[in-house]
Amino acid sequence: MVIGGKAEGLARLQGLGLPVPPFVAVPVGAEVDENAVAGLGEPLAVRSSAVGEDAADRSAAGQYETVLGVTRAGLRAAVERVRASTDRAAAYGSTGEVAVVIQRQVPATRAGVAFSRDPVDGRDVVLIECALGGGEAIVSGLVTPDRYWVDGDRVRARAAGAVRVLRDDEAHAIVALVRRAEDGFGTPVDVEFCFAGRELWLVQCRPITTLRP
């Protein structure tokens, strides 16, 4: 049973006791079990979990299609749509074998990505990128996020707008979860997160692929 990198990352986060929205993985070649998703609620987010995606030496993040706002009635069509988006990911080393993650869609008010190490030079600081709304706009480059560098108790912020998206205590809360993920994975990671009101959720985790040994 092959569930791919994204589903494996979510399962590891869940096993570490970190806050992950409920999800089910549809393995490569398997059909969607409507009973398995009954407890997730609606709306749902449907994402790829390809073999070779989010691996330690490469990432095809953002190359497969994501379908948001899915109802149970439209679930099978959404899964097939994600599975069909394999051509552009092939250039990133994907095998074309696509499992799928079906996850409760969090009503995100703010979202972003946090790196447990600086992804450029590997310094032991946490870099957080965050913007208002959902995280898809950041991943696709449609919005310019705030950036926060957290080094111990110190938070250095560069706001994209007039008002910061995160307070210092919220940045530290993200750092605490990212450090736990890094310890559990045993390697520097980048973690996608979102806030639903005051609730902080982790929705993806993968090794940082830009760092040299």
N, C-alpha and C. Protein backbone atom coordinates (compact mmCIF):
# COMPACT_ATOMS: atom_id res chain seq x y z
N MET A 1 0.85 -1.19 0.00
CA MET A 1 0.00 0.00 0.00
C MET A 1 0.89 1.24 0.00
N VAL A 2 0.86 2.01 -1.09
CA VAL A 2 1.72 3.18 -1.24
C VAL A 2 0.88 4.44 -1.05
N ILE A 3 1.24 5.25 -0.06
CA ILE A 3 0.46 6.46 0.22
C ILE A 3 1.22 7.74 -0.10
N GLY A 4 2.48 7.66 -0.48
CA GLY A 4 3.21 8.84 -0.94
C GLY A 4 3.73 9.71 0.19
N GLY A 5 4.57 10.69 -0.22
CA GLY A 5 5.30 11.50 0.75
C GLY A 5 4.45 12.41 1.60
N LYS A 6 3.45 13.04 1.01
CA LYS A 6 2.65 13.99 1.78
C LYS A 6 1.86 13.30 2.88
N ALA A 7 1.23 12.18 2.53
CA ALA A 7 0.45 11.44 3.53
C ALA A 7 1.36 10.90 4.63
N GLU A 8 2.55 10.44 4.25
CA GLU A 8 3.49 9.94 5.25
C GLU A 8 3.91 11.06 6.20
N GLY A 9 4.14 12.26 5.65
CA GLY A 9 4.51 13.40 6.49
C GLY A 9 3.41 13.76 7.47
N LEU A 10 2.18 13.77 7.00
CA LEU A 10 1.05 14.08 7.88
C LEU A 10 0.91 13.02 8.97
N ALA A 11 1.08 11.76 8.59
CA ALA A 11 0.97 10.69 9.58
C ALA A 11 2.05 10.81 10.65
N ARG A 12 3.25 11.21 10.24
CA ARG A 12 4.33 11.39 11.22
C ARG A 12 4.04 12.56 12.14
N LEU A 13 3.53 13.66 11.59
CA LEU A 13 3.14 14.79 12.44
C LEU A 13 2.09 14.36 13.45
N GLN A 14 1.11 13.62 12.98
CA GLN A 14 0.03 13.14 13.84
C GLN A 14 0.60 12.24 14.93
N GLY A 15 1.54 11.37 14.56
CA GLY A 15 2.16 10.47 15.53
C GLY A 15 2.97 11.20 16.58
N LEU A 16 3.45 12.40 16.24
CA LEU A 16 4.19 13.21 17.20
C LEU A 16 3.27 14.01 18.11
N GLY A 17 1.97 13.87 17.91
CA GLY A 17 1.00 14.59 18.74
C GLY A 17 0.82 16.03 18.35
N LEU A 18 1.20 16.38 17.12
CA LEU A 18 1.07 17.76 16.66
C LEU A 18 -0.31 17.98 16.05
N PRO A 19 -0.79 19.22 16.03
CA PRO A 19 -2.16 19.49 15.58
C PRO A 19 -2.30 19.41 14.07
N VAL A 20 -2.90 18.34 13.58
CA VAL A 20 -3.10 18.09 12.16
C VAL A 20 -4.60 17.91 11.92
N PRO A 21 -5.19 18.63 10.95
CA PRO A 21 -6.62 18.39 10.65
C PRO A 21 -6.84 16.94 10.22
N PRO A 22 -7.97 16.36 10.60
CA PRO A 22 -8.24 14.96 10.25
C PRO A 22 -8.11 14.72 8.75
N PHE A 23 -7.56 13.56 8.38
CA PHE A 23 -7.37 13.25 6.97
C PHE A 23 -7.43 11.74 6.75
N VAL A 24 -7.62 11.37 5.50
CA VAL A 24 -7.46 9.98 5.08
C VAL A 24 -6.60 9.98 3.82
N ALA A 25 -5.85 8.92 3.63
CA ALA A 25 -5.03 8.76 2.44
C ALA A 25 -5.65 7.69 1.54
N VAL A 26 -5.73 8.01 0.26
CA VAL A 26 -6.19 7.04 -0.74
C VAL A 26 -4.94 6.52 -1.45
N PRO A 27 -4.54 5.26 -1.20
CA PRO A 27 -3.29 4.75 -1.77
C PRO A 27 -3.31 4.73 -3.30
N VAL A 28 -2.10 4.60 -3.86
CA VAL A 28 -1.96 4.50 -5.32
C VAL A 28 -2.85 3.37 -5.84
N GLY A 29 -3.67 3.68 -6.84
CA GLY A 29 -4.51 2.67 -7.48
C GLY A 29 -5.78 2.32 -6.75
N ALA A 30 -5.98 2.87 -5.56
CA ALA A 30 -7.17 2.52 -4.77
C ALA A 30 -8.34 3.44 -5.10
N GLU A 31 -9.54 2.95 -4.85
CA GLU A 31 -10.74 3.76 -5.00
C GLU A 31 -11.03 4.53 -3.71
N VAL A 32 -11.77 5.59 -3.85
CA VAL A 32 -12.16 6.39 -2.68
C VAL A 32 -13.21 5.63 -1.88
N ASP A 33 -12.96 5.46 -0.58
CA ASP A 33 -13.92 4.83 0.32
C ASP A 33 -14.73 5.94 0.97
N GLU A 34 -16.01 6.11 0.52
CA GLU A 34 -16.86 7.20 1.05
C GLU A 34 -17.08 7.06 2.54
N ASN A 35 -17.09 5.81 3.05
CA ASN A 35 -17.28 5.62 4.49
C ASN A 35 -16.08 6.13 5.29
N ALA A 36 -14.89 6.00 4.70
CA ALA A 36 -13.67 6.43 5.40
C ALA A 36 -13.62 7.93 5.59
N VAL A 37 -14.24 8.68 4.69
CA VAL A 37 -14.18 10.14 4.78
C VAL A 37 -15.39 10.73 5.50
N ALA A 38 -16.30 9.88 5.94
CA ALA A 38 -17.55 10.38 6.53
C ALA A 38 -17.30 11.24 7.76
N GLY A 39 -16.29 10.90 8.53
CA GLY A 39 -16.04 11.64 9.76
C GLY A 39 -15.23 12.91 9.59
N LEU A 40 -14.82 13.21 8.35
CA LEU A 40 -13.99 14.40 8.14
C LEU A 40 -14.80 15.68 8.09
N GLY A 41 -16.07 15.57 7.75
CA GLY A 41 -16.88 16.77 7.60
C GLY A 41 -16.66 17.41 6.24
N GLU A 42 -17.19 18.59 6.04
CA GLU A 42 -17.04 19.35 4.81
C GLU A 42 -16.79 20.82 5.17
N PRO A 43 -16.15 21.59 4.29
CA PRO A 43 -15.57 21.19 3.00
C PRO A 43 -14.27 20.43 3.18
N LEU A 44 -13.83 19.81 2.08
CA LEU A 44 -12.62 19.01 2.08
C LEU A 44 -11.58 19.60 1.14
N ALA A 45 -10.32 19.35 1.45
CA ALA A 45 -9.22 19.68 0.56
C ALA A 45 -8.67 18.37 0.01
N VAL A 46 -8.47 18.30 -1.30
CA VAL A 46 -7.96 17.10 -1.95
C VAL A 46 -6.61 17.46 -2.58
N ARG A 47 -5.56 16.75 -2.15
CA ARG A 47 -4.20 17.05 -2.60
C ARG A 47 -3.49 15.76 -3.02
N SER A 48 -2.46 15.93 -3.83
CA SER A 48 -1.66 14.79 -4.25
C SER A 48 -0.77 14.32 -3.11
N SER A 49 -0.42 13.05 -3.18
CA SER A 49 0.62 12.49 -2.32
C SER A 49 1.40 11.51 -3.18
N ALA A 50 2.21 12.09 -4.08
CA ALA A 50 2.86 11.28 -5.11
C ALA A 50 4.08 10.55 -4.57
N VAL A 51 4.40 9.44 -5.19
CA VAL A 51 5.63 8.73 -4.88
C VAL A 51 6.80 9.61 -5.33
N GLY A 52 7.72 9.87 -4.42
CA GLY A 52 8.84 10.75 -4.73
C GLY A 52 8.58 12.20 -4.43
N GLU A 53 7.34 12.59 -4.16
CA GLU A 53 7.03 13.97 -3.81
C GLU A 53 7.40 14.20 -2.34
N ASP A 54 7.96 15.38 -2.06
CA ASP A 54 8.36 15.73 -0.70
C ASP A 54 9.39 14.77 -0.14
N ALA A 55 10.28 14.27 -1.01
CA ALA A 55 11.37 13.41 -0.56
C ALA A 55 12.51 14.26 -0.05
N ALA A 56 13.48 13.59 0.60
CA ALA A 56 14.58 14.33 1.21
C ALA A 56 15.49 14.99 0.18
N ASP A 57 15.55 14.43 -1.04
CA ASP A 57 16.48 14.97 -2.04
C ASP A 57 15.81 15.77 -3.13
N ARG A 58 14.49 15.84 -3.15
CA ARG A 58 13.79 16.63 -4.15
C ARG A 58 12.36 16.83 -3.70
N SER A 59 11.69 17.79 -4.33
CA SER A 59 10.30 18.05 -4.00
C SER A 59 9.57 18.49 -5.25
N ALA A 60 8.36 17.95 -5.45
CA ALA A 60 7.49 18.38 -6.54
C ALA A 60 6.35 19.21 -5.98
N ALA A 61 6.61 19.84 -4.83
CA ALA A 61 5.56 20.64 -4.18
C ALA A 61 5.04 21.70 -5.12
N GLY A 62 3.71 21.82 -5.21
CA GLY A 62 3.10 22.83 -6.05
C GLY A 62 2.92 22.40 -7.50
N GLN A 63 3.43 21.22 -7.88
CA GLN A 63 3.34 20.79 -9.27
C GLN A 63 2.05 20.03 -9.56
N TYR A 64 1.50 19.40 -8.55
CA TYR A 64 0.22 18.73 -8.71
C TYR A 64 -0.90 19.68 -8.33
N GLU A 65 -2.06 19.41 -8.88
CA GLU A 65 -3.20 20.28 -8.61
C GLU A 65 -3.79 19.99 -7.23
N THR A 66 -4.28 21.03 -6.58
CA THR A 66 -5.01 20.92 -5.33
C THR A 66 -6.43 21.39 -5.57
N VAL A 67 -7.39 20.67 -5.03
CA VAL A 67 -8.80 21.04 -5.18
C VAL A 67 -9.36 21.33 -3.80
N LEU A 68 -9.86 22.53 -3.62
CA LEU A 68 -10.39 22.97 -2.33
C LEU A 68 -11.91 23.10 -2.39
N GLY A 69 -12.52 23.16 -1.20
CA GLY A 69 -13.96 23.35 -1.12
C GLY A 69 -14.77 22.18 -1.66
N VAL A 70 -14.24 20.97 -1.50
CA VAL A 70 -14.87 19.78 -2.08
C VAL A 70 -15.94 19.24 -1.14
N THR A 71 -17.08 18.87 -1.70
CA THR A 71 -18.12 18.18 -0.94
C THR A 71 -18.01 16.68 -1.22
N ARG A 72 -18.69 15.88 -0.43
CA ARG A 72 -18.65 14.43 -0.64
C ARG A 72 -19.22 14.07 -2.00
N ALA A 73 -20.20 14.85 -2.46
CA ALA A 73 -20.78 14.57 -3.77
C ALA A 73 -19.77 14.75 -4.90
N GLY A 74 -18.85 15.67 -4.73
CA GLY A 74 -17.87 15.94 -5.77
C GLY A 74 -16.51 15.33 -5.51
N LEU A 75 -16.43 14.42 -4.54
CA LEU A 75 -15.14 13.92 -4.09
C LEU A 75 -14.44 13.07 -5.15
N ARG A 76 -15.16 12.15 -5.77
CA ARG A 76 -14.53 11.28 -6.75
C ARG A 76 -13.96 12.09 -7.92
N ALA A 77 -14.70 13.08 -8.37
CA ALA A 77 -14.23 13.92 -9.48
C ALA A 77 -12.98 14.70 -9.07
N ALA A 78 -12.94 15.17 -7.83
CA ALA A 78 -11.78 15.92 -7.35
C ALA A 78 -10.55 15.02 -7.28
N VAL A 79 -10.72 13.79 -6.82
CA VAL A 79 -9.61 12.85 -6.73
C VAL A 79 -9.06 12.56 -8.13
N GLU A 80 -9.92 12.35 -9.09
CA GLU A 80 -9.47 12.07 -10.46
C GLU A 80 -8.77 13.28 -11.06
N ARG A 81 -9.23 14.47 -10.72
CA ARG A 81 -8.60 15.70 -11.21
C ARG A 81 -7.17 15.82 -10.69
N VAL A 82 -6.98 15.50 -9.41
CA VAL A 82 -5.64 15.55 -8.83
C VAL A 82 -4.75 14.48 -9.46
N ARG A 83 -5.26 13.29 -9.62
CA ARG A 83 -4.47 12.20 -10.20
C ARG A 83 -4.08 12.49 -11.66
N ALA A 84 -4.90 13.27 -12.34
CA ALA A 84 -4.61 13.56 -13.75
C ALA A 84 -3.52 14.59 -13.94
N SER A 85 -3.16 15.31 -12.87
CA SER A 85 -2.20 16.41 -13.00
C SER A 85 -0.77 15.91 -12.83
N THR A 86 -0.38 14.93 -13.65
CA THR A 86 0.91 14.29 -13.48
C THR A 86 1.99 14.80 -14.43
N ASP A 87 1.60 15.41 -15.53
CA ASP A 87 2.59 15.74 -16.57
C ASP A 87 3.65 16.71 -16.09
N ARG A 88 3.23 17.82 -15.46
CA ARG A 88 4.23 18.83 -15.08
C ARG A 88 5.09 18.36 -13.91
N ALA A 89 4.60 17.40 -13.13
CA ALA A 89 5.39 16.89 -12.01
C ALA A 89 6.47 15.92 -12.46
N ALA A 90 6.34 15.36 -13.66
CA ALA A 90 7.33 14.39 -14.12
C ALA A 90 8.72 15.01 -14.22
N ALA A 91 8.78 16.30 -14.52
CA ALA A 91 10.07 16.99 -14.63
C ALA A 91 10.78 17.07 -13.28
N TYR A 92 10.06 16.87 -12.19
CA TYR A 92 10.64 16.93 -10.85
C TYR A 92 10.98 15.55 -10.32
N GLY A 93 10.92 14.54 -11.18
CA GLY A 93 11.32 13.20 -10.76
C GLY A 93 10.20 12.35 -10.23
N SER A 94 8.96 12.82 -10.34
CA SER A 94 7.84 12.00 -9.87
C SER A 94 7.68 10.79 -10.78
N THR A 95 7.27 9.68 -10.21
CA THR A 95 7.08 8.45 -10.98
C THR A 95 5.75 8.42 -11.70
N GLY A 96 4.86 9.37 -11.38
CA GLY A 96 3.53 9.34 -11.95
C GLY A 96 2.54 8.56 -11.10
N GLU A 97 3.01 7.86 -10.07
CA GLU A 97 2.13 7.14 -9.17
C GLU A 97 1.62 8.11 -8.12
N VAL A 98 0.33 8.33 -8.10
CA VAL A 98 -0.22 9.37 -7.25
C VAL A 98 -1.23 8.79 -6.26
N ALA A 99 -0.88 8.85 -4.99
CA ALA A 99 -1.87 8.66 -3.93
C ALA A 99 -2.50 10.04 -3.67
N VAL A 100 -3.53 10.05 -2.88
CA VAL A 100 -4.27 11.30 -2.65
C VAL A 100 -4.55 11.45 -1.16
N VAL A 101 -4.42 12.69 -0.68
CA VAL A 101 -4.80 13.03 0.68
C VAL A 101 -6.12 13.78 0.65
N ILE A 102 -7.07 13.32 1.43
CA ILE A 102 -8.35 14.00 1.60
C ILE A 102 -8.39 14.48 3.04
N GLN A 103 -8.49 15.78 3.22
CA GLN A 103 -8.33 16.36 4.55
C GLN A 103 -9.42 17.39 4.82
N ARG A 104 -9.85 17.45 6.06
CA ARG A 104 -10.78 18.51 6.42
C ARG A 104 -10.15 19.86 6.13
N GLN A 105 -10.84 20.69 5.37
CA GLN A 105 -10.30 22.00 5.01
C GLN A 105 -10.52 22.98 6.15
N VAL A 106 -9.41 23.48 6.68
CA VAL A 106 -9.47 24.42 7.79
C VAL A 106 -9.85 25.80 7.24
N PRO A 107 -10.79 26.49 7.88
CA PRO A 107 -11.15 27.84 7.43
C PRO A 107 -10.06 28.84 7.80
N ALA A 108 -9.00 28.86 7.03
CA ALA A 108 -7.79 29.61 7.39
C ALA A 108 -8.01 31.11 7.28
N THR A 109 -7.61 31.81 8.33
CA THR A 109 -7.60 33.27 8.32
C THR A 109 -6.21 33.81 8.03
N ARG A 110 -5.18 33.00 8.35
CA ARG A 110 -3.79 33.30 8.05
C ARG A 110 -3.08 31.98 7.78
N ALA A 111 -2.11 32.00 6.92
CA ALA A 111 -1.43 30.75 6.59
C ALA A 111 -0.03 31.05 6.07
N GLY A 112 0.81 30.00 6.09
CA GLY A 112 2.15 30.20 5.59
C GLY A 112 3.00 28.96 5.70
N VAL A 113 4.30 29.16 5.63
CA VAL A 113 5.26 28.08 5.71
C VAL A 113 6.38 28.50 6.65
N ALA A 114 6.89 27.54 7.41
CA ALA A 114 7.99 27.81 8.35
C ALA A 114 9.11 26.82 8.11
N PHE A 115 10.33 27.33 8.04
CA PHE A 115 11.52 26.51 7.83
C PHE A 115 12.28 26.41 9.15
N SER A 116 12.61 25.19 9.55
CA SER A 116 13.29 25.02 10.84
C SER A 116 14.73 25.49 10.79
N ARG A 117 15.29 25.66 9.61
CA ARG A 117 16.60 26.26 9.40
C ARG A 117 16.47 27.23 8.23
N ASP A 118 17.34 28.23 8.19
CA ASP A 118 17.32 29.14 7.04
C ASP A 118 17.58 28.30 5.79
N PRO A 119 16.64 28.30 4.82
CA PRO A 119 16.79 27.41 3.66
C PRO A 119 17.91 27.83 2.70
N VAL A 120 18.43 29.04 2.87
CA VAL A 120 19.50 29.51 1.98
C VAL A 120 20.87 29.15 2.52
N ASP A 121 21.11 29.50 3.80
CA ASP A 121 22.46 29.29 4.34
C ASP A 121 22.51 28.27 5.48
N GLY A 122 21.36 27.70 5.86
CA GLY A 122 21.34 26.66 6.87
C GLY A 122 21.51 27.13 8.30
N ARG A 123 21.47 28.46 8.53
CA ARG A 123 21.62 28.96 9.90
C ARG A 123 20.51 28.42 10.79
N ASP A 124 20.83 28.28 12.07
CA ASP A 124 19.89 27.73 13.04
C ASP A 124 18.92 28.81 13.50
N VAL A 125 18.16 29.33 12.56
CA VAL A 125 17.05 30.24 12.85
C VAL A 125 15.83 29.72 12.12
N VAL A 126 14.65 30.02 12.65
CA VAL A 126 13.42 29.61 11.99
C VAL A 126 12.92 30.77 11.14
N LEU A 127 12.71 30.49 9.86
CA LEU A 127 12.15 31.48 8.94
C LEU A 127 10.68 31.17 8.72
N ILE A 128 9.84 32.16 8.97
CA ILE A 128 8.39 32.01 8.79
C ILE A 128 7.93 32.98 7.72
N GLU A 129 7.17 32.48 6.77
CA GLU A 129 6.49 33.32 5.78
C GLU A 129 5.00 33.16 6.00
N CYS A 130 4.27 34.27 6.12
CA CYS A 130 2.86 34.20 6.48
C CYS A 130 2.09 35.35 5.83
N ALA A 131 0.86 35.05 5.43
CA ALA A 131 -0.01 36.06 4.83
C ALA A 131 -1.44 35.80 5.27
N LEU A 132 -2.29 36.78 5.03
CA LEU A 132 -3.71 36.62 5.33
C LEU A 132 -4.34 35.64 4.35
N GLY A 133 -5.35 34.90 4.83
CA GLY A 133 -6.05 33.96 3.98
C GLY A 133 -5.42 32.58 3.98
N GLY A 134 -5.70 31.80 2.93
CA GLY A 134 -5.19 30.45 2.83
C GLY A 134 -3.78 30.40 2.32
N GLY A 135 -3.17 29.23 2.40
CA GLY A 135 -1.76 29.11 2.05
C GLY A 135 -1.47 28.91 0.58
N GLU A 136 -2.48 28.58 -0.23
CA GLU A 136 -2.23 28.30 -1.64
C GLU A 136 -1.65 29.50 -2.37
N ALA A 137 -2.07 30.71 -1.98
CA ALA A 137 -1.58 31.91 -2.67
C ALA A 137 -0.09 32.12 -2.43
N ILE A 138 0.39 31.75 -1.24
CA ILE A 138 1.82 31.88 -0.95
C ILE A 138 2.61 30.85 -1.75
N VAL A 139 2.15 29.60 -1.73
CA VAL A 139 2.87 28.53 -2.42
C VAL A 139 2.96 28.82 -3.91
N SER A 140 1.90 29.39 -4.48
CA SER A 140 1.88 29.67 -5.92
C SER A 140 2.53 31.01 -6.28
N GLY A 141 2.94 31.78 -5.26
CA GLY A 141 3.61 33.05 -5.51
C GLY A 141 2.69 34.20 -5.86
N LEU A 142 1.40 34.07 -5.56
CA LEU A 142 0.44 35.11 -5.92
C LEU A 142 0.44 36.28 -4.94
N VAL A 143 0.92 36.06 -3.73
CA VAL A 143 0.96 37.15 -2.74
C VAL A 143 2.37 37.23 -2.15
N THR A 144 2.71 38.41 -1.66
CA THR A 144 3.98 38.61 -0.97
C THR A 144 3.73 38.47 0.53
N PRO A 145 4.33 37.48 1.18
CA PRO A 145 4.06 37.27 2.61
C PRO A 145 4.95 38.13 3.49
N ASP A 146 4.52 38.29 4.73
CA ASP A 146 5.43 38.77 5.77
C ASP A 146 6.53 37.73 5.96
N ARG A 147 7.70 38.21 6.43
CA ARG A 147 8.77 37.27 6.79
C ARG A 147 9.21 37.55 8.22
N TYR A 148 9.43 36.47 8.95
CA TYR A 148 9.85 36.55 10.35
C TYR A 148 11.04 35.62 10.54
N TRP A 149 12.10 36.13 11.12
CA TRP A 149 13.25 35.32 11.49
C TRP A 149 13.28 35.22 13.01
N VAL A 150 13.20 34.00 13.53
CA VAL A 150 13.13 33.80 14.97
C VAL A 150 14.41 33.10 15.42
N ASP A 151 15.16 33.79 16.27
CA ASP A 151 16.43 33.28 16.79
C ASP A 151 16.35 33.37 18.31
N GLY A 152 16.06 32.23 18.94
CA GLY A 152 15.84 32.25 20.39
C GLY A 152 14.61 33.07 20.72
N ASP A 153 14.76 34.04 21.61
CA ASP A 153 13.64 34.89 22.00
C ASP A 153 13.41 36.05 21.04
N ARG A 154 14.35 36.27 20.14
CA ARG A 154 14.31 37.44 19.27
C ARG A 154 13.53 37.15 17.99
N VAL A 155 12.59 38.05 17.66
CA VAL A 155 11.83 37.96 16.42
C VAL A 155 12.13 39.19 15.57
N ARG A 156 12.65 38.95 14.38
CA ARG A 156 12.89 40.05 13.43
C ARG A 156 11.86 39.93 12.32
N ALA A 157 11.10 40.98 12.10
CA ALA A 157 9.97 40.92 11.18
C ALA A 157 10.17 41.87 10.00
N ARG A 158 9.73 41.41 8.84
CA ARG A 158 9.64 42.27 7.67
C ARG A 158 8.23 42.14 7.12
N ALA A 159 7.40 43.14 7.39
CA ALA A 159 6.00 43.10 7.00
C ALA A 159 5.84 43.49 5.55
N ALA A 160 4.96 42.77 4.84
CA ALA A 160 4.68 43.10 3.45
C ALA A 160 3.73 44.28 3.33
N GLY A 161 2.94 44.50 4.37
CA GLY A 161 1.99 45.61 4.37
C GLY A 161 2.23 46.53 5.54
N ALA A 162 1.23 47.33 5.87
CA ALA A 162 1.37 48.31 6.95
C ALA A 162 1.30 47.66 8.33
N VAL A 163 0.62 46.53 8.41
CA VAL A 163 0.41 45.86 9.69
C VAL A 163 0.95 44.44 9.61
N ARG A 164 1.65 44.00 10.65
CA ARG A 164 2.16 42.64 10.70
C ARG A 164 1.04 41.62 10.76
N VAL A 165 1.26 40.47 10.12
CA VAL A 165 0.29 39.39 10.13
C VAL A 165 0.37 38.59 11.43
N LEU A 166 1.58 38.43 11.98
CA LEU A 166 1.79 37.64 13.19
C LEU A 166 2.32 38.51 14.32
N ARG A 167 1.82 38.22 15.54
CA ARG A 167 2.44 38.78 16.74
C ARG A 167 3.65 37.93 17.11
N ASP A 168 4.49 38.46 17.98
CA ASP A 168 5.68 37.71 18.41
C ASP A 168 5.30 36.39 19.07
N ASP A 169 4.25 36.40 19.92
CA ASP A 169 3.89 35.16 20.61
C ASP A 169 3.37 34.12 19.63
N GLU A 170 2.70 34.55 18.56
CA GLU A 170 2.23 33.60 17.55
C GLU A 170 3.40 33.02 16.76
N ALA A 171 4.40 33.86 16.48
CA ALA A 171 5.60 33.36 15.81
C ALA A 171 6.30 32.32 16.68
N HIS A 172 6.39 32.57 17.98
CA HIS A 172 7.02 31.61 18.88
C HIS A 172 6.21 30.32 18.97
N ALA A 173 4.89 30.40 18.88
CA ALA A 173 4.06 29.19 18.91
C ALA A 173 4.33 28.33 17.67
N ILE A 174 4.51 28.97 16.53
CA ILE A 174 4.85 28.24 15.31
C ILE A 174 6.21 27.58 15.46
N VAL A 175 7.17 28.33 15.98
CA VAL A 175 8.53 27.81 16.16
C VAL A 175 8.52 26.56 17.03
N ALA A 176 7.74 26.59 18.11
CA ALA A 176 7.70 25.43 19.02
C ALA A 176 7.24 24.17 18.30
N LEU A 177 6.23 24.30 17.43
CA LEU A 177 5.74 23.14 16.69
C LEU A 177 6.75 22.69 15.64
N VAL A 178 7.37 23.66 14.97
CA VAL A 178 8.34 23.32 13.93
C VAL A 178 9.55 22.61 14.52
N ARG A 179 10.01 23.05 15.69
CA ARG A 179 11.14 22.39 16.33
C ARG A 179 10.78 20.95 16.72
N ARG A 180 9.55 20.73 17.20
CA ARG A 180 9.12 19.38 17.53
C ARG A 180 9.07 18.50 16.28
N ALA A 181 8.63 19.09 15.17
CA ALA A 181 8.60 18.34 13.92
C ALA A 181 10.02 18.00 13.46
N GLU A 182 10.93 18.96 13.55
CA GLU A 182 12.32 18.72 13.17
C GLU A 182 12.93 17.60 14.01
N ASP A 183 12.69 17.64 15.31
CA ASP A 183 13.21 16.58 16.18
C ASP A 183 12.63 15.22 15.81
N GLY A 184 11.33 15.20 15.53
CA GLY A 184 10.68 13.93 15.20
C GLY A 184 11.10 13.36 13.86
N PHE A 185 11.32 14.25 12.88
CA PHE A 185 11.73 13.80 11.55
C PHE A 185 13.23 13.54 11.49
N GLY A 186 13.99 14.12 12.42
CA GLY A 186 15.43 13.91 12.44
C GLY A 186 16.17 14.64 11.35
N THR A 187 15.58 15.70 10.81
CA THR A 187 16.20 16.48 9.74
C THR A 187 15.53 17.84 9.68
N PRO A 188 16.20 18.87 9.16
CA PRO A 188 15.53 20.16 8.98
C PRO A 188 14.30 20.02 8.08
N VAL A 189 13.24 20.71 8.44
CA VAL A 189 11.96 20.56 7.73
C VAL A 189 11.37 21.91 7.38
N ASP A 190 10.50 21.90 6.38
CA ASP A 190 9.60 23.03 6.22
C ASP A 190 8.18 22.54 6.41
N VAL A 191 7.42 23.36 7.10
CA VAL A 191 6.10 22.98 7.58
C VAL A 191 5.09 24.02 7.12
N GLU A 192 4.03 23.57 6.47
CA GLU A 192 2.94 24.47 6.14
C GLU A 192 1.96 24.51 7.31
N PHE A 193 1.50 25.72 7.64
CA PHE A 193 0.63 25.90 8.80
C PHE A 193 -0.50 26.85 8.43
N CYS A 194 -1.50 26.88 9.27
CA CYS A 194 -2.55 27.90 9.13
C CYS A 194 -3.21 28.14 10.47
N PHE A 195 -3.74 29.33 10.60
CA PHE A 195 -4.55 29.70 11.76
C PHE A 195 -6.01 29.75 11.33
N ALA A 196 -6.87 29.11 12.12
CA ALA A 196 -8.31 29.27 11.99
C ALA A 196 -8.75 30.02 13.23
N GLY A 197 -8.87 31.34 13.11
CA GLY A 197 -9.04 32.15 14.31
C GLY A 197 -7.76 32.07 15.12
N ARG A 198 -7.85 31.58 16.35
CA ARG A 198 -6.66 31.44 17.20
C ARG A 198 -6.06 30.04 17.16
N GLU A 199 -6.75 29.11 16.49
CA GLU A 199 -6.25 27.73 16.43
C GLU A 199 -5.15 27.61 15.40
N LEU A 200 -4.04 26.98 15.79
CA LEU A 200 -2.90 26.78 14.90
C LEU A 200 -2.86 25.31 14.47
N TRP A 201 -2.80 25.10 13.14
CA TRP A 201 -2.79 23.76 12.57
C TRP A 201 -1.57 23.58 11.67
N LEU A 202 -1.07 22.36 11.59
CA LEU A 202 -0.03 22.00 10.64
C LEU A 202 -0.67 21.15 9.54
N VAL A 203 -0.43 21.50 8.28
CA VAL A 203 -1.11 20.82 7.18
C VAL A 203 -0.15 20.12 6.23
N GLN A 204 1.16 20.25 6.46
CA GLN A 204 2.12 19.54 5.63
C GLN A 204 3.50 19.66 6.25
N CYS A 205 4.35 18.66 6.02
CA CYS A 205 5.73 18.71 6.51
C CYS A 205 6.61 17.90 5.57
N ARG A 206 7.76 18.45 5.23
CA ARG A 206 8.70 17.77 4.34
C ARG A 206 10.12 18.22 4.67
N PRO A 207 11.12 17.43 4.30
CA PRO A 207 12.51 17.86 4.49
C PRO A 207 12.82 19.08 3.63
N ILE A 208 13.73 19.92 4.13
CA ILE A 208 14.20 21.05 3.32
C ILE A 208 15.18 20.50 2.29
N THR A 209 14.86 20.68 1.01
CA THR A 209 15.67 20.06 -0.04
C THR A 209 16.79 20.96 -0.53
N THR A 210 16.83 22.23 -0.11
CA THR A 210 17.83 23.16 -0.62
C THR A 210 19.15 23.12 0.15
N LEU A 211 19.15 22.49 1.32
CA LEU A 211 20.35 22.50 2.14
C LEU A 211 21.36 21.47 1.65
N ARG A 212 22.62 21.87 1.62
CA ARG A 212 23.69 20.94 1.26
C ARG A 212 24.17 20.24 2.54
N PRO A 213 24.59 18.98 2.43
CA PRO A 213 25.13 18.27 3.60
C PRO A 213 26.34 18.98 4.16
